[in-house]
Amino acid sequence: MTAKNSNDKQQAVMLVVDVSNYSVTTVNLAVEMAVSVQTGLLGLFIEDEDLLQVAGLPCTREITLTTTRERPTSIDQMQRSLRSVAQQFKQTLQREAQASQIAWHFDTVRGRMRDIGLKSKRDVTYTILDQSVSHRLQSSGQVRRTRKVLLILDNSPRQKLALSVVLRRFRHEKVELTVVGEDPERILSSVLPSQISAKDSEVVLIRFRRDDLFELLARAGPSFDCAIMSQHENAAELPRILNDLRCPAILVA
């Protein structure tokens, strides 16, 4: 299924969600990214293949949160639920994209989020996988807390824009920016936005070598609010990295 408001099919930003990972705040992040690169936005909703298969098993039961009652499930019932969430996602995408006056497209596809979201698309520069377990990207207003952002470096200058968008969302909050890379001086001079420096009291920089990445993720992975990395990370390592995170991940082509 496809919906669109423009004949221009080329998209530079794609947001991938499924029924268990969808938040309005991540939609807002994707819209801000599209505005920054002056392009349209593609929202892709994944109908989870595994969830549909489990729903069809005779032993599967659904427990409602309000009454704690059990009831049988079915593939048809689950399909209706998924389509309902997909419609909510589409409406949110439309509302936020139109408010920012950007072109938007919407698709649904059946499969698995990681299988589909990790596939490189020629006309997509930024792929955002919504892995939110809470609305972590939402600014907390008057409540000050430390936001944690992970940046796994490559040589792409496009990471600078992605980082700028994320930091702009947290501009009234303290940020702990963890940078994983081999050359910290080059990082600070060529990748980080010019307004961010080690002397900035609102941003604390933490440096890790690439060799220490998985040790870092094992210890702190679920605590990050957002992660930025290359779409072209090692094919065997990228799923492992994402599996240790519980936050929106921006993959940069």
C-alpha atoms as a PDB file:
ATOM      1  CA  MET A   1       0.000   0.000   0.000  1.00  0.00           C
ATOM      2  CA  THR A   2       1.296   3.428  -0.923  1.00  0.00           C
ATOM      3  CA  ALA A   3       0.171   6.953  -0.173  1.00  0.00           C
ATOM      4  CA  LYS A   4       1.912  10.102  -1.331  1.00  0.00           C
ATOM      5  CA  ASN A   5       1.365  13.801  -1.845  1.00  0.00           C
ATOM      6  CA  SER A   6       3.993  14.394  -4.526  1.00  0.00           C
ATOM      7  CA  ASN A   7       4.950  12.901  -7.869  1.00  0.00           C
ATOM      8  CA  ASP A   8       8.608  13.075  -6.888  1.00  0.00           C
ATOM      9  CA  LYS A   9       9.483   9.544  -5.727  1.00  0.00           C
ATOM     10  CA  GLN A  10      13.054  10.288  -4.750  1.00  0.00           C
ATOM     11  CA  GLN A  11      13.430  10.442  -0.980  1.00  0.00           C
ATOM     12  CA  ALA A  12      16.516  11.263   1.061  1.00  0.00           C
ATOM     13  CA  VAL A  13      15.056  10.422   4.503  1.00  0.00           C
ATOM     14  CA  MET A  14      13.259   7.186   5.390  1.00  0.00           C
ATOM     15  CA  LEU A  15      11.662   6.366   8.746  1.00  0.00           C
ATOM     16  CA  VAL A  16      11.088   2.660   9.428  1.00  0.00           C
ATOM     17  CA  VAL A  17       8.708   1.576  12.210  1.00  0.00           C
ATOM     18  CA  ASP A  18       6.683  -1.445  13.259  1.00  0.00           C
ATOM     19  CA  VAL A  19       3.841  -1.983  15.716  1.00  0.00           C
ATOM     20  CA  SER A  20       6.153  -2.264  18.735  1.00  0.00           C
ATOM     21  CA  ASN A  21       8.483   0.597  17.775  1.00  0.00           C
ATOM     22  CA  TYR A  22       6.582   3.727  16.836  1.00  0.00           C
ATOM     23  CA  SER A  23       6.648   7.108  18.575  1.00  0.00           C
ATOM     24  CA  VAL A  24       5.510  10.556  17.511  1.00  0.00           C
ATOM     25  CA  THR A  25       8.788  12.047  18.694  1.00  0.00           C
ATOM     26  CA  THR A  26      10.770   9.909  16.254  1.00  0.00           C
ATOM     27  CA  VAL A  27       8.444  11.047  13.468  1.00  0.00           C
ATOM     28  CA  ASN A  28       9.335  14.607  14.469  1.00  0.00           C
ATOM     29  CA  LEU A  29      13.037  13.754  14.294  1.00  0.00           C
ATOM     30  CA  ALA A  30      12.609  12.361  10.773  1.00  0.00           C
ATOM     31  CA  VAL A  31      10.688  15.465   9.702  1.00  0.00           C
ATOM     32  CA  GLU A  32      13.433  17.731  11.073  1.00  0.00           C
ATOM     33  CA  MET A  33      16.020  15.702   9.181  1.00  0.00           C
ATOM     34  CA  ALA A  34      14.054  16.037   5.938  1.00  0.00           C
ATOM     35  CA  VAL A  35      13.681  19.789   6.481  1.00  0.00           C
ATOM     36  CA  SER A  36      17.428  20.114   7.083  1.00  0.00           C
ATOM     37  CA  VAL A  37      18.351  18.389   3.819  1.00  0.00           C
ATOM     38  CA  GLN A  38      15.427  20.039   1.974  1.00  0.00           C
ATOM     39  CA  THR A  39      13.888  16.835   0.722  1.00  0.00           C
ATOM     40  CA  GLY A  40      10.862  14.618   1.219  1.00  0.00           C
ATOM     41  CA  LEU A  41      10.179  11.927   3.791  1.00  0.00           C
ATOM     42  CA  LEU A  42       9.237   8.282   3.325  1.00  0.00           C
ATOM     43  CA  GLY A  43       7.476   6.545   6.201  1.00  0.00           C
ATOM     44  CA  LEU A  44       7.677   2.762   5.996  1.00  0.00           C
ATOM     45  CA  PHE A  45       5.504   0.619   8.286  1.00  0.00           C
ATOM     46  CA  ILE A  46       6.554  -3.013   8.695  1.00  0.00           C
ATOM     47  CA  GLU A  47       3.831  -5.613   9.264  1.00  0.00           C
ATOM     48  CA  ASP A  48       5.828  -7.955  11.473  1.00  0.00           C
ATOM     49  CA  GLU A  49       5.939 -11.402   9.849  1.00  0.00           C
ATOM     50  CA  ASP A  50       6.934 -13.151  13.085  1.00  0.00           C
ATOM     51  CA  LEU A  51       4.082 -11.527  15.014  1.00  0.00           C
ATOM     52  CA  LEU A  52       1.549 -12.643  12.413  1.00  0.00           C
ATOM     53  CA  GLN A  53       2.841 -16.213  12.506  1.00  0.00           C
ATOM     54  CA  VAL A  54       2.696 -16.361  16.304  1.00  0.00           C
ATOM     55  CA  ALA A  55      -0.853 -14.947  16.281  1.00  0.00           C
ATOM     56  CA  GLY A  56      -1.971 -17.921  14.182  1.00  0.00           C
ATOM     57  CA  LEU A  57      -0.768 -20.559  16.637  1.00  0.00           C
ATOM     58  CA  PRO A  58      -3.556 -22.337  18.595  1.00  0.00           C
ATOM     59  CA  CYS A  59      -1.713 -21.863  21.905  1.00  0.00           C
ATOM     60  CA  THR A  60      -1.355 -18.078  21.527  1.00  0.00           C
ATOM     61  CA  ARG A  61      -3.518 -15.856  23.729  1.00  0.00           C
ATOM     62  CA  GLU A  62      -3.899 -12.093  24.007  1.00  0.00           C
ATOM     63  CA  ILE A  63      -4.143 -10.546  27.490  1.00  0.00           C
ATOM     64  CA  THR A  64      -5.807  -7.142  27.692  1.00  0.00           C
ATOM     65  CA  LEU A  65      -4.129  -4.612  29.974  1.00  0.00           C
ATOM     66  CA  THR A  66      -7.388  -3.243  31.370  1.00  0.00           C
ATOM     67  CA  THR A  67      -9.134  -6.497  32.332  1.00  0.00           C
ATOM     68  CA  THR A  68      -6.251  -9.045  32.252  1.00  0.00           C
ATOM     69  CA  ARG A  69      -8.626 -11.394  30.451  1.00  0.00           C
ATOM     70  CA  GLU A  70      -7.282 -13.857  27.928  1.00  0.00           C
ATOM     71  CA  ARG A  71      -8.715 -14.291  24.466  1.00  0.00           C
ATOM     72  CA  PRO A  72      -7.638 -16.292  21.428  1.00  0.00           C
ATOM     73  CA  THR A  73      -5.768 -14.600  18.619  1.00  0.00           C
ATOM     74  CA  SER A  74      -5.854 -15.074  14.875  1.00  0.00           C
ATOM     75  CA  ILE A  75      -3.898 -13.879  11.884  1.00  0.00           C
ATOM     76  CA  ASP A  76      -6.908 -11.885  10.652  1.00  0.00           C
ATOM     77  CA  GLN A  77      -7.339 -10.189  14.014  1.00  0.00           C
ATOM     78  CA  MET A  78      -3.643  -9.340  14.227  1.00  0.00           C
ATOM     79  CA  GLN A  79      -3.689  -8.060  10.654  1.00  0.00           C
ATOM     80  CA  ARG A  80      -6.494  -5.656  11.552  1.00  0.00           C
ATOM     81  CA  SER A  81      -4.558  -4.442  14.593  1.00  0.00           C
ATOM     82  CA  LEU A  82      -1.424  -3.857  12.520  1.00  0.00           C
ATOM     83  CA  ARG A  83      -3.380  -1.941   9.891  1.00  0.00           C
ATOM     84  CA  SER A  84      -4.923   0.221  12.601  1.00  0.00           C
ATOM     85  CA  VAL A  85      -1.476   1.184  13.939  1.00  0.00           C
ATOM     86  CA  ALA A  86      -0.213   1.715  10.376  1.00  0.00           C
ATOM     87  CA  GLN A  87      -3.097   4.125   9.757  1.00  0.00           C
ATOM     88  CA  GLN A  88      -2.226   6.052  12.930  1.00  0.00           C
ATOM     89  CA  PHE A  89       1.390   6.248  11.781  1.00  0.00           C
ATOM     90  CA  LYS A  90       0.317   7.488   8.355  1.00  0.00           C
ATOM     91  CA  GLN A  91      -1.879  10.198   9.860  1.00  0.00           C
ATOM     92  CA  THR A  92       0.923  11.335  12.173  1.00  0.00           C
ATOM     93  CA  LEU A  93       3.378  11.388   9.274  1.00  0.00           C
ATOM     94  CA  GLN A  94       0.977  13.408   7.158  1.00  0.00           C
ATOM     95  CA  ARG A  95       0.215  15.908   9.908  1.00  0.00           C
ATOM     96  CA  GLU A  96       3.842  16.543  10.874  1.00  0.00           C
ATOM     97  CA  ALA A  97       5.135  16.621   7.286  1.00  0.00           C
ATOM     98  CA  GLN A  98       2.432  19.037   6.125  1.00  0.00           C
ATOM     99  CA  ALA A  99       3.074  21.275   9.138  1.00  0.00           C
ATOM    100  CA  SER A 100       6.701  21.573   7.972  1.00  0.00           C
ATOM    101  CA  GLN A 101       5.667  21.840   4.314  1.00  0.00           C
ATOM    102  CA  ILE A 102       7.662  18.858   3.061  1.00  0.00           C
ATOM    103  CA  ALA A 103       6.651  16.144   0.610  1.00  0.00           C
ATOM    104  CA  TRP A 104       5.784  12.817   2.228  1.00  0.00           C
ATOM    105  CA  HIS A 105       5.224   9.238   1.148  1.00  0.00           C
ATOM    106  CA  PHE A 106       3.870   6.266   3.053  1.00  0.00           C
ATOM    107  CA  ASP A 107       4.266   2.528   2.420  1.00  0.00           C
ATOM    108  CA  THR A 108       3.521  -0.675   4.273  1.00  0.00           C
ATOM    109  CA  VAL A 109       5.311  -3.957   3.692  1.00  0.00           C
ATOM    110  CA  ARG A 110       5.228  -7.328   5.402  1.00  0.00           C
ATOM    111  CA  GLY A 111       8.513  -8.663   6.734  1.00  0.00           C
ATOM    112  CA  ARG A 112      10.973  -8.072   9.541  1.00  0.00           C
ATOM    113  CA  MET A 113      12.153  -4.612  10.547  1.00  0.00           C
ATOM    114  CA  ARG A 114      15.861  -5.447  10.576  1.00  0.00           C
ATOM    115  CA  ASP A 115      15.743  -7.286   7.235  1.00  0.00           C
ATOM    116  CA  ILE A 116      13.985  -4.417   5.488  1.00  0.00           C
ATOM    117  CA  GLY A 117      15.386  -1.424   7.373  1.00  0.00           C
ATOM    118  CA  LEU A 118      19.013  -2.452   6.898  1.00  0.00           C
ATOM    119  CA  LYS A 119      18.768  -2.815   3.137  1.00  0.00           C
ATOM    120  CA  SER A 120      20.464   0.081   1.389  1.00  0.00           C
ATOM    121  CA  LYS A 121      18.238   2.097  -0.935  1.00  0.00           C
ATOM    122  CA  ARG A 122      19.898   4.073  -3.673  1.00  0.00           C
ATOM    123  CA  ASP A 123      17.838   7.230  -3.177  1.00  0.00           C
ATOM    124  CA  VAL A 124      17.856   7.253   0.654  1.00  0.00           C
ATOM    125  CA  THR A 125      20.565   9.172   2.503  1.00  0.00           C
ATOM    126  CA  TYR A 126      19.246   8.841   6.067  1.00  0.00           C
ATOM    127  CA  THR A 127      17.420   5.759   7.335  1.00  0.00           C
ATOM    128  CA  ILE A 128      15.924   6.118  10.807  1.00  0.00           C
ATOM    129  CA  LEU A 129      14.997   2.908  12.614  1.00  0.00           C
ATOM    130  CA  ASP A 130      12.567   3.618  15.437  1.00  0.00           C
ATOM    131  CA  GLN A 131      13.684   1.321  18.235  1.00  0.00           C
ATOM    132  CA  SER A 132      12.112   3.415  20.984  1.00  0.00           C
ATOM    133  CA  VAL A 133      10.984   1.751  24.173  1.00  0.00           C
ATOM    134  CA  SER A 134       9.872   5.172  25.405  1.00  0.00           C
ATOM    135  CA  HIS A 135       9.635   8.692  24.045  1.00  0.00           C
ATOM    136  CA  ARG A 136      13.311   9.327  24.679  1.00  0.00           C
ATOM    137  CA  LEU A 137      13.726  11.886  21.939  1.00  0.00           C
ATOM    138  CA  GLN A 138      11.076  14.167  23.358  1.00  0.00           C
ATOM    139  CA  SER A 139      12.420  17.246  25.069  1.00  0.00           C
ATOM    140  CA  SER A 140      11.638  17.200  28.744  1.00  0.00           C
ATOM    141  CA  GLY A 141      10.888  20.944  28.905  1.00  0.00           C
ATOM    142  CA  GLN A 142      11.730  22.386  32.295  1.00  0.00           C
ATOM    143  CA  VAL A 143      13.083  19.107  33.674  1.00  0.00           C
ATOM    144  CA  ARG A 144      16.817  19.000  33.076  1.00  0.00           C
ATOM    145  CA  ARG A 145      18.406  15.625  32.593  1.00  0.00           C
ATOM    146  CA  THR A 146      21.417  14.321  30.749  1.00  0.00           C
ATOM    147  CA  ARG A 147      20.687  13.090  27.241  1.00  0.00           C
ATOM    148  CA  LYS A 148      22.988  10.421  25.857  1.00  0.00           C
ATOM    149  CA  VAL A 149      23.887  10.333  22.166  1.00  0.00           C
ATOM    150  CA  LEU A 150      26.122   7.750  20.481  1.00  0.00           C
ATOM    151  CA  LEU A 151      28.100   8.633  17.348  1.00  0.00           C
ATOM    152  CA  ILE A 152      29.986   5.810  15.595  1.00  0.00           C
ATOM    153  CA  LEU A 153      32.231   7.632  13.169  1.00  0.00           C
ATOM    154  CA  ASP A 154      32.940   7.055   9.531  1.00  0.00           C
ATOM    155  CA  ASN A 155      34.265   9.443   6.888  1.00  0.00           C
ATOM    156  CA  SER A 156      30.859  10.759   5.783  1.00  0.00           C
ATOM    157  CA  PRO A 157      30.267  14.503   6.197  1.00  0.00           C
ATOM    158  CA  ARG A 158      26.543  13.698   6.324  1.00  0.00           C
ATOM    159  CA  GLN A 159      26.973  12.554   9.911  1.00  0.00           C
ATOM    160  CA  LYS A 160      27.538  16.188  10.885  1.00  0.00           C
ATOM    161  CA  LEU A 161      24.051  17.148   9.733  1.00  0.00           C
ATOM    162  CA  ALA A 162      22.451  14.192  11.504  1.00  0.00           C
ATOM    163  CA  LEU A 163      24.238  15.083  14.720  1.00  0.00           C
ATOM    164  CA  SER A 164      23.242  18.743  14.386  1.00  0.00           C
ATOM    165  CA  VAL A 165      19.568  17.782  14.113  1.00  0.00           C
ATOM    166  CA  VAL A 166      19.746  15.529  17.173  1.00  0.00           C
ATOM    167  CA  LEU A 167      21.603  18.117  19.270  1.00  0.00           C
ATOM    168  CA  ARG A 168      19.105  20.779  18.247  1.00  0.00           C
ATOM    169  CA  ARG A 169      16.326  18.658  19.777  1.00  0.00           C
ATOM    170  CA  PHE A 170      18.245  18.642  23.052  1.00  0.00           C
ATOM    171  CA  ARG A 171      19.412  22.270  22.944  1.00  0.00           C
ATOM    172  CA  HIS A 172      17.889  23.092  26.328  1.00  0.00           C
ATOM    173  CA  GLU A 173      19.274  20.006  28.022  1.00  0.00           C
ATOM    174  CA  LYS A 174      22.617  18.611  29.027  1.00  0.00           C
ATOM    175  CA  VAL A 175      24.045  16.163  26.486  1.00  0.00           C
ATOM    176  CA  GLU A 176      26.584  13.400  26.932  1.00  0.00           C
ATOM    177  CA  LEU A 177      27.999  12.741  23.473  1.00  0.00           C
ATOM    178  CA  THR A 178      29.867   9.451  23.162  1.00  0.00           C
ATOM    179  CA  VAL A 179      32.086   9.408  20.060  1.00  0.00           C
ATOM    180  CA  VAL A 180      33.513   6.096  18.856  1.00  0.00           C
ATOM    181  CA  GLY A 181      36.445   6.517  16.498  1.00  0.00           C
ATOM    182  CA  GLU A 182      40.206   6.345  16.108  1.00  0.00           C
ATOM    183  CA  ASP A 183      41.143  10.021  15.622  1.00  0.00           C
ATOM    184  CA  PRO A 184      39.562  12.331  18.222  1.00  0.00           C
ATOM    185  CA  GLU A 185      41.292  15.511  17.013  1.00  0.00           C
ATOM    186  CA  ARG A 186      40.021  14.991  13.482  1.00  0.00           C
ATOM    187  CA  ILE A 187      36.590  14.204  14.939  1.00  0.00           C
ATOM    188  CA  LEU A 188      36.352  17.505  16.736  1.00  0.00           C
ATOM    189  CA  SER A 189      37.577  19.588  13.805  1.00  0.00           C
ATOM    190  CA  SER A 190      35.733  18.019  10.877  1.00  0.00           C
ATOM    191  CA  VAL A 191      32.714  16.075  12.087  1.00  0.00           C
ATOM    192  CA  LEU A 192      31.199  17.753  15.117  1.00  0.00           C
ATOM    193  CA  PRO A 193      29.106  20.864  14.474  1.00  0.00           C
ATOM    194  CA  SER A 194      31.110  24.064  14.808  1.00  0.00           C
ATOM    195  CA  GLN A 195      28.995  25.312  17.711  1.00  0.00           C
ATOM    196  CA  ILE A 196      29.932  22.289  19.834  1.00  0.00           C
ATOM    197  CA  SER A 197      33.273  22.220  21.614  1.00  0.00           C
ATOM    198  CA  ALA A 198      34.838  20.571  24.616  1.00  0.00           C
ATOM    199  CA  LYS A 199      34.407  23.866  26.480  1.00  0.00           C
ATOM    200  CA  ASP A 200      30.651  23.903  25.919  1.00  0.00           C
ATOM    201  CA  SER A 201      29.112  23.363  29.345  1.00  0.00           C
ATOM    202  CA  GLU A 202      25.993  21.792  27.839  1.00  0.00           C
ATOM    203  CA  VAL A 203      27.794  19.041  25.904  1.00  0.00           C
ATOM    204  CA  VAL A 204      30.178  16.573  27.499  1.00  0.00           C
ATOM    205  CA  LEU A 205      32.334  14.629  25.035  1.00  0.00           C
ATOM    206  CA  ILE A 206      33.331  11.042  25.792  1.00  0.00           C
ATOM    207  CA  ARG A 207      35.740   9.279  23.433  1.00  0.00           C
ATOM    208  CA  PHE A 208      36.044   5.538  22.827  1.00  0.00           C
ATOM    209  CA  ARG A 209      38.241   3.572  20.462  1.00  0.00           C
ATOM    210  CA  ARG A 210      36.497   1.448  17.871  1.00  0.00           C
ATOM    211  CA  ASP A 211      37.952  -1.675  19.474  1.00  0.00           C
ATOM    212  CA  ASP A 212      36.012  -0.859  22.651  1.00  0.00           C
ATOM    213  CA  LEU A 213      32.628  -0.430  20.947  1.00  0.00           C
ATOM    214  CA  PHE A 214      31.001  -3.704  21.982  1.00  0.00           C
ATOM    215  CA  GLU A 215      32.248  -3.403  25.538  1.00  0.00           C
ATOM    216  CA  LEU A 216      30.634   0.040  25.620  1.00  0.00           C
ATOM    217  CA  LEU A 217      27.360  -1.281  24.203  1.00  0.00           C
ATOM    218  CA  ALA A 218      27.250  -4.163  26.653  1.00  0.00           C
ATOM    219  CA  ARG A 219      27.515  -1.704  29.512  1.00  0.00           C
ATOM    220  CA  ALA A 220      25.613   1.358  28.294  1.00  0.00           C
ATOM    221  CA  GLY A 221      23.748   0.432  25.099  1.00  0.00           C
ATOM    222  CA  PRO A 222      20.172   0.616  26.459  1.00  0.00           C
ATOM    223  CA  SER A 223      20.817   4.000  28.099  1.00  0.00           C
ATOM    224  CA  PHE A 224      21.344   5.982  24.866  1.00  0.00           C
ATOM    225  CA  ASP A 225      18.606   8.329  23.657  1.00  0.00           C
ATOM    226  CA  CYS A 226      19.752   8.268  20.023  1.00  0.00           C
ATOM    227  CA  ALA A 227      22.517   6.671  17.938  1.00  0.00           C
ATOM    228  CA  ILE A 228      24.128   7.735  14.653  1.00  0.00           C
ATOM    229  CA  MET A 229      26.194   5.388  12.520  1.00  0.00           C
ATOM    230  CA  SER A 230      27.008   4.454   8.935  1.00  0.00           C
ATOM    231  CA  GLN A 231      24.613   2.429   6.812  1.00  0.00           C
ATOM    232  CA  HIS A 232      27.741   0.648   5.591  1.00  0.00           C
ATOM    233  CA  GLU A 233      28.910  -0.726   8.913  1.00  0.00           C
ATOM    234  CA  ASN A 234      30.227  -4.289   8.748  1.00  0.00           C
ATOM    235  CA  ALA A 235      27.268  -6.478   7.731  1.00  0.00           C
ATOM    236  CA  ALA A 236      27.888  -8.889  10.587  1.00  0.00           C
ATOM    237  CA  GLU A 237      28.399  -6.172  13.206  1.00  0.00           C
ATOM    238  CA  LEU A 238      25.546  -3.785  12.364  1.00  0.00           C
ATOM    239  CA  PRO A 239      22.701  -6.062  13.579  1.00  0.00           C
ATOM    240  CA  ARG A 240      24.695  -6.736  16.731  1.00  0.00           C
ATOM    241  CA  ILE A 241      25.135  -3.013  17.354  1.00  0.00           C
ATOM    242  CA  LEU A 242      21.424  -2.333  16.875  1.00  0.00           C
ATOM    243  CA  ASN A 243      20.463  -5.254  19.074  1.00  0.00           C
ATOM    244  CA  ASP A 244      22.306  -3.652  22.009  1.00  0.00           C
ATOM    245  CA  LEU A 245      20.524  -0.318  21.545  1.00  0.00           C
ATOM    246  CA  ARG A 246      17.003   0.582  22.642  1.00  0.00           C
ATOM    247  CA  CYS A 247      16.746   3.938  20.946  1.00  0.00           C
ATOM    248  CA  PRO A 248      16.165   5.487  17.504  1.00  0.00           C
ATOM    249  CA  ALA A 249      19.123   4.745  15.221  1.00  0.00           C
ATOM    250  CA  ILE A 250      20.074   7.003  12.309  1.00  0.00           C
ATOM    251  CA  LEU A 251      21.889   5.123   9.542  1.00  0.00           C
ATOM    252  CA  VAL A 252      23.814   7.448   7.217  1.00  0.00           C
ATOM    253  CA  ALA A 253      24.501   6.383   3.641  1.00  0.00           C
END
